[in-house]
C-alpha atoms as a PDB file:
ATOM      1  CA  UNK A   1     -48.937  -1.280  95.350  1.00  0.00           C
ATOM      2  CA  UNK A   2     -50.907   1.833  94.686  1.00  0.00           C
ATOM      3  CA  UNK A   3     -52.475   2.315  91.295  1.00  0.00           C
ATOM      4  CA  UNK A   4     -50.527   5.538  90.676  1.00  0.00           C
ATOM      5  CA  UNK A   5     -47.216   3.809  91.446  1.00  0.00           C
ATOM      6  CA  UNK A   6     -48.160   0.963  89.114  1.00  0.00           C
ATOM      7  CA  UNK A   7     -48.935   3.439  86.327  1.00  0.00           C
ATOM      8  CA  UNK A   8     -45.613   5.200  86.809  1.00  0.00           C
ATOM      9  CA  UNK A   9     -43.690   1.915  86.700  1.00  0.00           C
ATOM     10  CA  UNK A  10     -45.639   0.836  83.621  1.00  0.00           C
ATOM     11  CA  UNK A  11     -44.872   4.176  81.943  1.00  0.00           C
ATOM     12  CA  UNK A  12     -41.128   3.759  82.556  1.00  0.00           C
ATOM     13  CA  UNK A  13     -41.108   0.118  81.412  1.00  0.00           C
ATOM     14  CA  UNK A  14     -43.063   0.964  78.263  1.00  0.00           C
ATOM     15  CA  UNK A  15     -40.683   3.806  77.507  1.00  0.00           C
ATOM     16  CA  UNK A  16     -37.695   1.474  77.768  1.00  0.00           C
ATOM     17  CA  UNK A  17     -39.466  -1.171  75.684  1.00  0.00           C
ATOM     18  CA  UNK A  18     -40.134   1.406  72.954  1.00  0.00           C
ATOM     19  CA  UNK A  19     -36.471   2.427  73.006  1.00  0.00           C
ATOM     20  CA  UNK A  20     -35.346  -1.201  72.768  1.00  0.00           C
ATOM     21  CA  UNK A  21     -37.709  -1.789  69.831  1.00  0.00           C
ATOM     22  CA  UNK A  22     -36.384   1.322  68.073  1.00  0.00           C
ATOM     23  CA  UNK A  23     -32.773   0.206  68.566  1.00  0.00           C
ATOM     24  CA  UNK A  24     -33.629  -3.299  67.355  1.00  0.00           C
ATOM     25  CA  UNK A  25     -35.254  -1.901  64.206  1.00  0.00           C
ATOM     26  CA  UNK A  26     -32.173   0.232  63.536  1.00  0.00           C
ATOM     27  CA  UNK A  27     -29.844  -2.729  63.995  1.00  0.00           C
ATOM     28  CA  UNK A  28     -31.913  -4.873  61.616  1.00  0.00           C
ATOM     29  CA  UNK A  29     -31.865  -2.076  59.053  1.00  0.00           C
ATOM     30  CA  UNK A  30     -28.117  -1.656  59.341  1.00  0.00           C
ATOM     31  CA  UNK A  31     -27.534  -5.402  59.114  1.00  0.00           C
ATOM     32  CA  UNK A  32     -29.714  -5.589  56.009  1.00  0.00           C
ATOM     33  CA  UNK A  33     -27.612  -2.828  54.464  1.00  0.00           C
ATOM     34  CA  UNK A  34     -24.358  -4.623  55.404  1.00  0.00           C
ATOM     35  CA  UNK A  35     -25.691  -7.865  53.968  1.00  0.00           C
ATOM     36  CA  UNK A  36     -26.727  -6.107  50.765  1.00  0.00           C
ATOM     37  CA  UNK A  37     -23.385  -4.385  50.256  1.00  0.00           C
ATOM     38  CA  UNK A  38     -20.901  -6.834  51.806  1.00  0.00           C
ATOM     39  CA  UNK A  39     -22.754 -10.151  51.877  1.00  0.00           C
ATOM     40  CA  UNK A  40     -22.081 -12.930  54.344  1.00  0.00           C
ATOM     41  CA  UNK A  41     -18.511 -11.738  54.937  1.00  0.00           C
ATOM     42  CA  UNK A  42     -19.746  -8.362  56.154  1.00  0.00           C
ATOM     43  CA  UNK A  43     -22.286  -9.953  58.476  1.00  0.00           C
ATOM     44  CA  UNK A  44     -19.664 -12.344  59.873  1.00  0.00           C
ATOM     45  CA  UNK A  45     -17.255  -9.452  60.507  1.00  0.00           C
ATOM     46  CA  UNK A  46     -19.974  -7.382  62.188  1.00  0.00           C
ATOM     47  CA  UNK A  47     -20.935 -10.337  64.381  1.00  0.00           C
ATOM     48  CA  UNK A  48     -17.324 -10.936  65.430  1.00  0.00           C
ATOM     49  CA  UNK A  49     -16.875  -7.274  66.368  1.00  0.00           C
ATOM     50  CA  UNK A  50     -20.169  -7.246  68.251  1.00  0.00           C
ATOM     51  CA  UNK A  51     -19.247 -10.325  70.270  1.00  0.00           C
ATOM     52  CA  UNK A  52     -15.843  -8.842  71.108  1.00  0.00           C
ATOM     53  CA  UNK A  53     -17.425  -5.572  72.207  1.00  0.00           C
ATOM     54  CA  UNK A  54     -20.116  -7.335  74.235  1.00  0.00           C
ATOM     55  CA  UNK A  55     -17.486  -9.205  76.257  1.00  0.00           C
ATOM     56  CA  UNK A  56     -16.007  -5.925  77.472  1.00  0.00           C
ATOM     57  CA  UNK A  57     -19.339  -4.409  78.454  1.00  0.00           C
ATOM     58  CA  UNK A  58     -20.853  -4.515  81.877  1.00  0.00           C
ATOM     59  CA  UNK A  59     -22.888  -2.413  84.217  1.00  0.00           C
ATOM     60  CA  UNK A  60     -23.075  -1.363  87.806  1.00  0.00           C
ATOM     61  CA  UNK A  61     -25.570  -4.199  88.266  1.00  0.00           C
ATOM     62  CA  UNK A  62     -23.347  -6.917  86.830  1.00  0.00           C
ATOM     63  CA  UNK A  63     -25.558  -7.317  83.769  1.00  0.00           C
ATOM     64  CA  UNK A  64     -23.848  -8.564  80.617  1.00  0.00           C
ATOM     65  CA  UNK A  65     -25.137  -8.431  77.032  1.00  0.00           C
ATOM     66  CA  UNK A  66     -27.198 -11.482  76.075  1.00  0.00           C
ATOM     67  CA  UNK A  67     -24.863 -13.420  73.739  1.00  0.00           C
ATOM     68  CA  UNK A  68     -27.660 -15.782  72.691  1.00  0.00           C
ATOM     69  CA  UNK A  69     -29.838 -12.870  71.607  1.00  0.00           C
ATOM     70  CA  UNK A  70     -26.930 -11.352  69.682  1.00  0.00           C
ATOM     71  CA  UNK A  71     -26.380 -14.651  67.858  1.00  0.00           C
ATOM     72  CA  UNK A  72     -30.094 -14.908  67.033  1.00  0.00           C
ATOM     73  CA  UNK A  73     -30.072 -11.382  65.637  1.00  0.00           C
ATOM     74  CA  UNK A  74     -27.164 -12.137  63.314  1.00  0.00           C
ATOM     75  CA  UNK A  75     -28.708 -15.455  62.306  1.00  0.00           C
ATOM     76  CA  UNK A  76     -31.911 -13.703  61.300  1.00  0.00           C
ATOM     77  CA  UNK A  77     -29.883 -11.093  59.385  1.00  0.00           C
ATOM     78  CA  UNK A  78     -28.522 -13.895  57.225  1.00  0.00           C
ATOM     79  CA  UNK A  79     -32.018 -15.126  56.358  1.00  0.00           C
ATOM     80  CA  UNK A  80     -33.770 -13.611  53.358  1.00  0.00           C
ATOM     81  CA  UNK A  81     -36.619 -11.357  54.370  1.00  0.00           C
END
């Protein structure tokens, strides 16, 4: 692969990685706020809704949301920071 093509691919991947990190930070912030205002019940309700929504999602490539990652995210939201 040419160096220029590699740089372009790396630029796109890094852009997506930065977007994913930004979304992850926002989700953690929102979950911390839910936990602070609604406690464990709020987190459990948010997790249930997220899992329901994730089951109805898909893509043209047949990719589904990573249920294990979603569970890990909610587990970490329940841990004191």
